[in-house]
Amino acid sequence: MPFELVSRGARRAYEEWKLSNPGNNIASLLFPTVDEDTNAAFLLDTFVSSPYGVAYREPGSQSVVRAFEQGSGQLITPPTASEKTAIGQELKDLIISGGEPTEAFMTRFNRIVSRIQGIHTEGHNMTKFKQAIDVMRTGKFEANGVAGKDLDLDIDYNRDAANSLTYDFTDTGATFSEALKNLEVQANKQGTPKSNRVMIIGNSWANAMLEDEHMQKYMQNNPSNNLIASNMMPALLQNTQGLTVLTQYRAPNMLAPVYICTYDPDTQYVAYKGATPAPWIPDTEAIFFSLADKRYSINRGIDAFDGNGKVVRVTGDIVIDTFSNPDPIEEYLRSQSRHAFVPANINHTFKSTGTFA
C-alpha cells in the first residue's frame, strides 16, 4: 500500500459540463421578466391598441361616440417536467472519477449527488433554451414526453401566419439585404419596437450573408463597419452564452439597425436520449425580434418534499428533492420544473425560411 500511494502520484479529474453555467443564457435574454407564483396558472391580459384620430362635432351637436375596446385574457397552465435518478447500493459503492478508493463514504456520496444534480440541470436547461428559441421561431411553447412523444401539452399563442416569411436565395438578384428588409417591413406592420432589433440566423443564412456581393461592397465602402471589427474579435450579445454577434447592420433602405447573430453554446441540441443532435436554429431559418418587447418567464407551483419529508408547494427554475423506498433501500433524486415562456405580444416575433442552392 505505501508503494502504491507513492508511485502513483497525484490523481487528477476532469469534468466538462454543458449548459450548466448560471450566467447569462438565451432563455433569460429572450424572456427576461420573471413571474413566480405557487398557483398553477398564469393569466395573460393582452391589450393591443389601435389608435385613430378624434372627430370634430358640428356646433350644437353631441360629442362623437368613441367605443371602449377591452383586451383579451388567456389563462396559461404551464406543464410539469419531472425526472428522477435512483441511488441504490451499487451506485453508492462506486468509486467515481475524482475520488480516492479510501475516501470517506459521505464524501463519495456527496460527489455522486452533486454529479447527478449537474446532469439533471443540463437536461432542464437544454430543453428550456430550445423552448425559448422555438417560441420566437414558431409561436408555440412545446412540451413533449419520453422520446419526443406529443402529450398535447403545447401552448399555441396563435401567431399571425404573415409573420412566417420565406425567401428564395436562388432567385436572380436575391440578396441578404432584401431578405432582411422583408423581415423589417413585416415587423413595422406589426408595430414592433425599432430599438434593439435582433436577428438570429442559421448556418445557411450566415453563409449567404458572408457571400453576398452587396454586403461585401458595404464592407469595402465603410472601413469602420462593425462586420470587419467583429470578425476579428467576436462578441456575445449582452454576454449571452453562445450568442455571437456577426455585425450590427442597417442596409441603406432600412429604418433601424439590426444585431445579426448566430447561436452556438458549444453543444448541439439533443431533444431526448438517443435523438439525433440538431442545430439550435435550423440552417435554413432566421428569427427576428426586438429586445425592447415585454416577454415573461413563468414559474408555477410544484409539489415536493422538504428536508423533513413533508410535502410542500414551492416554485423555482428547477426544484430538486429526494425520497426513498424502504426495501430494498433505495434513494431517489428528483428534479422538476413547471414553467412557460410567454411573449406579451406574439406578433412581435418573426421567422423567415430561406431556400438555398
Protein backbone atom coordinates (compact mmCIF):
# COMPACT_ATOMS: atom_id res chain seq x y z
CA MET A 1 0.00 0.00 0.00
CA PRO A 2 2.71 2.62 0.82
CA PHE A 3 4.39 1.84 -2.52
CA GLU A 4 1.11 2.31 -4.38
CA LEU A 5 0.49 5.67 -2.78
CA VAL A 6 3.95 6.98 -3.53
CA SER A 7 4.46 5.63 -7.04
CA ARG A 8 1.03 6.51 -8.42
CA GLY A 9 1.43 10.20 -7.73
CA ALA A 10 -1.31 12.81 -7.77
CA ARG A 11 -4.75 11.93 -9.13
CA ARG A 12 -6.43 14.41 -11.44
CA ALA A 13 -10.03 14.58 -12.52
CA TYR A 14 -11.58 16.40 -15.44
CA GLU A 15 -15.24 17.31 -15.74
CA GLU A 16 -16.81 19.08 -18.68
CA TRP A 17 -20.33 20.40 -18.24
CA LYS A 18 -22.55 21.93 -20.91
CA LEU A 19 -25.32 24.48 -20.36
CA SER A 20 -24.76 24.47 -16.59
CA ASN A 21 -23.23 27.92 -16.12
CA PRO A 22 -25.67 30.05 -14.09
CA GLY A 23 -24.65 33.19 -16.02
CA ASN A 24 -26.46 34.88 -18.88
CA ASN A 25 -28.26 32.44 -21.15
CA ILE A 26 -30.52 32.59 -24.19
CA ALA A 27 -33.71 31.99 -22.19
CA SER A 28 -33.07 34.87 -19.78
CA LEU A 29 -32.24 37.17 -22.71
CA LEU A 30 -35.37 36.35 -24.68
CA PHE A 31 -37.71 36.17 -21.65
CA PRO A 32 -36.17 38.45 -19.01
CA THR A 33 -39.23 39.24 -16.86
CA VAL A 34 -39.58 36.50 -14.22
CA ASP A 35 -43.00 35.78 -12.73
CA GLU A 36 -43.12 33.19 -9.93
CA ASP A 37 -46.17 32.03 -8.01
CA THR A 38 -47.19 28.80 -6.29
CA ASN A 39 -50.54 28.82 -8.12
CA ALA A 40 -50.94 26.56 -11.15
CA ALA A 41 -51.82 29.07 -13.86
CA PHE A 42 -50.77 32.40 -15.31
CA LEU A 43 -53.31 34.90 -16.65
CA LEU A 44 -52.06 37.00 -19.53
CA ASP A 45 -54.24 40.03 -20.16
CA THR A 46 -53.47 41.36 -23.62
CA PHE A 47 -54.48 44.77 -24.90
CA VAL A 48 -53.13 45.99 -28.22
CA SER A 49 -54.41 49.47 -29.01
CA SER A 50 -55.44 50.65 -32.47
CA PRO A 51 -55.46 54.42 -32.13
CA TYR A 52 -57.26 56.72 -34.51
CA GLY A 53 -57.78 60.47 -34.60
CA VAL A 54 -60.61 62.36 -32.94
CA ALA A 55 -63.64 63.70 -34.82
CA TYR A 56 -64.90 67.24 -34.58
CA ARG A 57 -68.60 67.89 -33.99
CA GLU A 58 -70.86 70.48 -35.56
CA PRO A 59 -71.87 73.40 -33.37
CA GLY A 60 -74.69 72.41 -31.01
CA SER A 61 -74.39 68.68 -31.75
CA GLN A 62 -73.43 65.91 -29.37
CA SER A 63 -69.95 64.52 -28.86
CA VAL A 64 -69.00 61.70 -31.18
CA VAL A 65 -69.09 58.30 -29.51
CA ARG A 66 -65.74 56.56 -29.12
CA ALA A 67 -66.28 52.90 -28.22
CA PHE A 68 -64.28 51.20 -25.48
CA GLU A 69 -62.38 48.17 -26.69
CA GLN A 70 -61.30 45.79 -23.96
CA GLY A 71 -58.39 43.40 -24.19
CA SER A 72 -58.42 39.63 -24.13
CA GLY A 73 -57.39 37.25 -21.38
CA GLN A 74 -55.55 33.97 -21.82
CA LEU A 75 -55.22 31.51 -18.93
CA ILE A 76 -51.95 29.61 -19.33
CA THR A 77 -51.23 26.49 -17.25
CA PRO A 78 -47.56 25.50 -17.58
CA PRO A 79 -46.89 21.74 -17.87
CA THR A 80 -44.56 19.96 -15.44
CA ALA A 81 -41.27 18.34 -16.42
CA SER A 82 -40.13 15.72 -13.90
CA GLU A 83 -37.27 13.19 -13.88
CA LYS A 84 -35.63 11.10 -11.18
CA THR A 85 -32.42 9.10 -10.72
CA ALA A 86 -32.16 6.10 -8.39
CA ILE A 87 -29.23 6.00 -5.97
CA GLY A 88 -29.06 2.37 -4.83
CA GLN A 89 -26.36 0.34 -3.11
CA GLU A 90 -24.43 -0.39 -6.30
CA LEU A 91 -24.15 3.29 -7.15
CA LYS A 92 -23.17 4.19 -3.59
CA ASP A 93 -20.39 1.59 -3.68
CA LEU A 94 -18.88 3.01 -6.86
CA ILE A 95 -15.60 4.88 -6.81
CA ILE A 96 -16.40 7.67 -9.24
CA SER A 97 -13.84 9.77 -11.07
CA GLY A 98 -12.22 12.45 -8.99
CA GLY A 99 -12.19 10.41 -5.76
CA GLU A 100 -9.81 8.10 -3.95
CA PRO A 101 -10.60 4.46 -3.10
CA THR A 102 -10.01 5.24 0.57
CA GLU A 103 -12.07 8.42 0.85
CA ALA A 104 -14.91 8.63 3.36
CA PHE A 105 -18.30 7.29 2.28
CA MET A 106 -20.14 10.61 2.73
CA THR A 107 -17.52 12.45 0.68
CA ARG A 108 -18.02 9.98 -2.16
CA PHE A 109 -21.80 10.02 -1.78
CA ASN A 110 -21.94 13.82 -1.90
CA ARG A 111 -19.86 13.76 -5.07
CA ILE A 112 -22.32 11.32 -6.62
CA VAL A 113 -25.29 13.51 -5.67
CA SER A 114 -23.57 16.64 -6.98
CA ARG A 115 -22.86 14.99 -10.30
CA ILE A 116 -26.44 13.73 -10.64
CA GLN A 117 -27.73 17.26 -9.96
CA GLY A 118 -25.43 18.58 -12.68
CA ILE A 119 -26.73 16.03 -15.17
CA HIS A 120 -30.34 16.95 -14.37
CA THR A 121 -29.55 20.67 -14.66
CA GLU A 122 -28.04 20.16 -18.11
CA GLY A 123 -31.17 18.33 -19.24
CA HIS A 124 -33.56 21.00 -17.99
CA ASN A 125 -31.50 23.82 -19.48
CA MET A 126 -31.18 22.11 -22.85
CA THR A 127 -34.97 21.85 -23.08
CA LYS A 128 -35.58 25.37 -21.73
CA PHE A 129 -33.14 27.07 -24.06
CA LYS A 130 -34.66 25.33 -27.09
CA GLN A 131 -38.20 26.13 -25.91
CA ALA A 132 -37.30 29.82 -25.59
CA ILE A 133 -35.86 29.88 -29.11
CA ASP A 134 -38.79 27.97 -30.59
CA VAL A 135 -41.41 30.29 -29.10
CA MET A 136 -39.70 33.01 -31.12
CA ARG A 137 -39.48 30.72 -34.19
CA THR A 138 -42.89 29.07 -34.27
CA GLY A 139 -45.12 30.97 -31.87
CA LYS A 140 -45.59 27.82 -29.76
CA PHE A 141 -44.28 26.57 -26.41
CA GLU A 142 -43.60 22.87 -26.91
CA ALA A 143 -43.59 20.28 -24.10
CA ASN A 144 -43.00 16.68 -25.17
CA GLY A 145 -42.83 13.38 -23.31
CA VAL A 146 -40.45 10.41 -23.42
CA ALA A 147 -38.71 10.01 -26.80
CA GLY A 148 -40.37 13.20 -28.02
CA LYS A 149 -43.93 11.89 -27.68
CA ASP A 150 -46.60 14.52 -28.23
CA LEU A 151 -48.58 14.73 -24.97
CA ASP A 152 -50.86 17.52 -26.20
CA LEU A 153 -49.31 19.90 -23.66
CA ASP A 154 -48.09 22.53 -26.12
CA ILE A 155 -49.20 26.14 -25.72
CA ASP A 156 -50.10 27.76 -29.05
CA TYR A 157 -50.01 31.56 -28.92
CA ASN A 158 -51.72 31.82 -32.34
CA ARG A 159 -49.19 33.95 -34.12
CA ASP A 160 -50.24 35.72 -37.32
CA ALA A 161 -49.39 33.47 -40.29
CA ALA A 162 -47.95 36.50 -42.09
CA ASN A 163 -45.13 36.55 -39.54
CA SER A 164 -43.68 33.37 -41.06
CA LEU A 165 -41.93 34.56 -44.21
CA THR A 166 -39.98 32.80 -46.96
CA TYR A 167 -37.11 33.98 -49.14
CA ASP A 168 -35.60 32.28 -52.19
CA PHE A 169 -31.87 32.95 -52.29
CA THR A 170 -31.65 31.08 -55.61
CA ASP A 171 -33.65 33.74 -57.47
CA THR A 172 -31.74 36.07 -59.77
CA GLY A 173 -30.88 39.24 -57.90
CA ALA A 174 -31.67 37.79 -54.48
CA THR A 175 -29.68 39.44 -51.67
CA PHE A 176 -29.30 39.03 -47.95
CA SER A 177 -30.22 42.69 -47.52
CA GLU A 178 -33.56 42.15 -49.27
CA ALA A 179 -34.34 39.13 -47.08
CA LEU A 180 -33.57 41.21 -44.00
CA LYS A 181 -35.61 44.14 -45.33
CA ASN A 182 -38.65 41.86 -45.79
CA LEU A 183 -38.50 40.95 -42.10
CA GLU A 184 -38.21 44.61 -41.14
CA VAL A 185 -41.24 45.53 -43.24
CA GLN A 186 -43.37 42.88 -41.53
CA ALA A 187 -42.08 43.92 -38.11
CA ASN A 188 -43.02 47.52 -38.82
CA LYS A 189 -46.51 46.46 -39.92
CA GLN A 190 -46.98 44.73 -36.55
CA GLY A 191 -45.75 47.75 -34.57
CA THR A 192 -42.60 46.06 -33.26
CA PRO A 193 -40.24 48.45 -31.41
CA LYS A 194 -37.44 49.68 -33.68
CA SER A 195 -34.84 49.71 -30.93
CA ASN A 196 -32.58 46.75 -30.12
CA ARG A 197 -33.74 44.61 -33.01
CA VAL A 198 -32.05 41.21 -33.27
CA MET A 199 -31.82 38.56 -35.96
CA ILE A 200 -30.52 35.07 -35.11
CA ILE A 201 -29.62 33.10 -38.23
CA GLY A 202 -28.92 29.50 -39.13
CA ASN A 203 -25.75 28.38 -40.91
CA SER A 204 -27.13 28.70 -44.44
CA TRP A 205 -28.20 32.28 -43.73
CA ALA A 206 -24.76 33.06 -42.29
CA ASN A 207 -23.08 31.73 -45.43
CA ALA A 208 -25.46 33.72 -47.62
CA MET A 209 -24.62 36.88 -45.70
CA LEU A 210 -20.86 36.40 -45.93
CA GLU A 211 -21.04 35.56 -49.66
CA ASP A 212 -23.44 38.36 -50.57
CA GLU A 213 -21.80 40.78 -53.03
CA HIS A 214 -23.84 43.70 -51.72
CA MET A 215 -22.68 43.02 -48.18
CA GLN A 216 -19.07 42.83 -49.36
CA LYS A 217 -19.41 46.19 -51.12
CA TYR A 218 -20.83 47.78 -47.97
CA MET A 219 -17.84 46.46 -46.03
CA GLN A 220 -15.37 47.76 -48.60
CA ASN A 221 -17.00 51.20 -48.76
CA ASN A 222 -17.25 51.55 -44.99
CA PRO A 223 -13.93 50.74 -43.29
CA SER A 224 -15.46 51.27 -39.85
CA ASN A 225 -18.24 48.75 -40.47
CA ASN A 226 -18.81 46.61 -37.37
CA LEU A 227 -18.71 43.50 -39.51
CA ILE A 228 -14.99 43.95 -40.14
CA ALA A 229 -14.16 44.58 -36.49
CA SER A 230 -16.39 41.82 -35.13
CA ASN A 231 -14.81 39.23 -37.41
CA MET A 232 -11.51 39.94 -35.65
CA MET A 233 -12.92 39.55 -32.15
CA PRO A 234 -16.44 38.02 -31.99
CA ALA A 235 -18.57 39.47 -29.19
CA LEU A 236 -21.51 38.00 -27.33
CA LEU A 237 -24.80 39.87 -27.40
CA GLN A 238 -25.29 41.14 -23.83
CA ASN A 239 -22.77 38.47 -22.69
CA THR A 240 -25.28 35.74 -23.55
CA GLN A 241 -23.58 32.34 -23.71
CA GLY A 242 -23.26 31.14 -27.29
CA LEU A 243 -24.98 34.17 -28.89
CA THR A 244 -22.27 35.60 -31.15
CA VAL A 245 -22.73 38.97 -32.87
CA LEU A 246 -21.66 38.86 -36.52
CA THR A 247 -22.50 42.51 -37.10
CA GLN A 248 -24.89 45.33 -36.29
CA TYR A 249 -26.16 46.15 -39.74
CA ARG A 250 -28.50 48.58 -41.45
CA ALA A 251 -28.86 48.48 -45.20
CA PRO A 252 -29.42 51.85 -46.97
CA ASN A 253 -33.13 51.11 -47.41
CA MET A 254 -33.74 50.06 -43.78
CA LEU A 255 -35.10 52.22 -40.97
CA ALA A 256 -33.28 50.69 -37.99
CA PRO A 257 -30.07 48.70 -37.41
CA VAL A 258 -30.23 45.02 -36.51
CA TYR A 259 -27.87 42.85 -34.49
CA ILE A 260 -27.21 39.79 -36.66
CA CYS A 261 -26.18 36.81 -34.53
CA THR A 262 -25.59 33.08 -34.55
CA TYR A 263 -26.30 30.82 -31.58
CA ASP A 264 -23.92 28.00 -30.68
CA PRO A 265 -23.46 27.16 -26.97
CA ASP A 266 -20.72 24.60 -27.76
CA THR A 267 -23.13 21.67 -27.85
CA GLN A 268 -25.87 20.76 -30.28
CA TYR A 269 -29.49 20.31 -29.25
CA VAL A 270 -30.48 16.73 -28.38
CA ALA A 271 -34.22 16.51 -27.74
CA TYR A 272 -34.10 13.23 -25.78
CA LYS A 273 -31.83 10.26 -25.15
CA GLY A 274 -30.94 8.70 -28.48
CA ALA A 275 -32.19 11.62 -30.57
CA THR A 276 -30.08 12.91 -33.45
CA PRO A 277 -28.17 16.08 -32.49
CA ALA A 278 -29.51 19.14 -34.29
CA PRO A 279 -28.63 22.85 -34.53
CA TRP A 280 -30.45 25.19 -32.17
CA ILE A 281 -31.53 27.34 -35.13
CA PRO A 282 -32.32 25.28 -38.25
CA ASP A 283 -29.82 26.01 -41.02
CA THR A 284 -32.42 27.47 -43.38
CA GLU A 285 -34.20 29.67 -40.81
CA ALA A 286 -33.75 33.08 -39.25
CA ILE A 287 -35.70 34.65 -36.41
CA PHE A 288 -36.29 38.37 -35.88
CA PHE A 289 -37.45 40.30 -32.80
CA SER A 290 -36.78 43.28 -30.56
CA LEU A 291 -35.25 43.12 -27.10
CA ALA A 292 -37.44 46.10 -26.18
CA ASP A 293 -40.57 43.91 -26.16
CA LYS A 294 -42.04 42.50 -22.96
CA ARG A 295 -41.68 38.75 -22.51
CA TYR A 296 -42.25 36.63 -19.39
CA SER A 297 -40.51 33.62 -17.90
CA ILE A 298 -43.23 31.94 -15.85
CA ASN A 299 -42.57 29.54 -12.95
CA ARG A 300 -45.55 27.96 -11.19
CA GLY A 301 -46.15 25.77 -8.13
CA ILE A 302 -44.67 22.27 -7.76
CA ASP A 303 -45.31 19.70 -5.02
CA ALA A 304 -42.06 18.43 -3.48
CA PHE A 305 -40.65 17.01 -0.24
CA ASP A 306 -38.80 19.28 2.16
CA GLY A 307 -35.86 18.20 4.34
CA ASN A 308 -38.25 16.58 6.83
CA GLY A 309 -40.13 14.55 4.23
CA LYS A 310 -43.16 16.84 4.34
CA VAL A 311 -44.96 17.79 1.13
CA VAL A 312 -44.59 21.49 0.35
CA ARG A 313 -45.64 23.71 -2.53
CA VAL A 314 -42.65 25.54 -4.00
CA THR A 315 -41.57 27.30 -7.16
CA GLY A 316 -38.29 27.91 -8.95
CA ASP A 317 -36.34 27.36 -12.16
CA ILE A 318 -35.54 23.77 -11.11
CA VAL A 319 -36.92 22.17 -7.93
CA ILE A 320 -34.80 19.31 -6.59
CA ASP A 321 -35.88 16.98 -3.79
CA THR A 322 -35.19 13.43 -2.56
CA PHE A 323 -37.27 10.48 -1.37
CA SER A 324 -36.65 6.79 -0.70
CA ASN A 325 -38.04 3.25 -0.95
CA PRO A 326 -37.74 1.13 2.23
CA ASP A 327 -36.94 -2.36 0.85
CA PRO A 328 -34.56 -2.66 -0.80
CA ILE A 329 -33.26 0.67 0.46
CA GLU A 330 -33.02 2.98 -2.49
CA GLU A 331 -32.92 6.75 -2.60
CA TYR A 332 -34.07 8.94 -5.46
CA LEU A 333 -33.03 12.39 -6.53
CA ARG A 334 -35.81 14.13 -8.44
CA SER A 335 -35.78 17.35 -10.46
CA GLN A 336 -38.93 19.17 -11.52
CA SER A 337 -39.77 22.26 -13.49
CA ARG A 338 -43.12 23.90 -14.15
CA HIS A 339 -42.53 26.80 -16.46
CA ALA A 340 -43.58 28.51 -19.66
CA PHE A 341 -42.18 31.27 -21.83
CA VAL A 342 -44.85 33.84 -22.61
CA PRO A 343 -44.48 36.79 -25.00
CA ALA A 344 -46.71 39.75 -24.24
CA ASN A 345 -47.34 40.15 -27.96
CA ILE A 346 -46.58 37.03 -30.01
CA ASN A 347 -46.99 39.06 -33.22
CA HIS A 348 -43.74 40.85 -32.44
CA THR A 349 -41.82 37.68 -33.29
CA PHE A 350 -40.91 36.65 -36.83
CA LYS A 351 -39.32 33.83 -38.81
CA SER A 352 -38.05 33.60 -42.35
CA THR A 353 -37.28 30.30 -44.08
CA GLY A 354 -34.76 30.51 -46.88
CA THR A 355 -34.35 28.41 -50.00
CA PHE A 356 -30.70 27.78 -50.84
CA ALA A 357 -28.89 26.14 -53.72
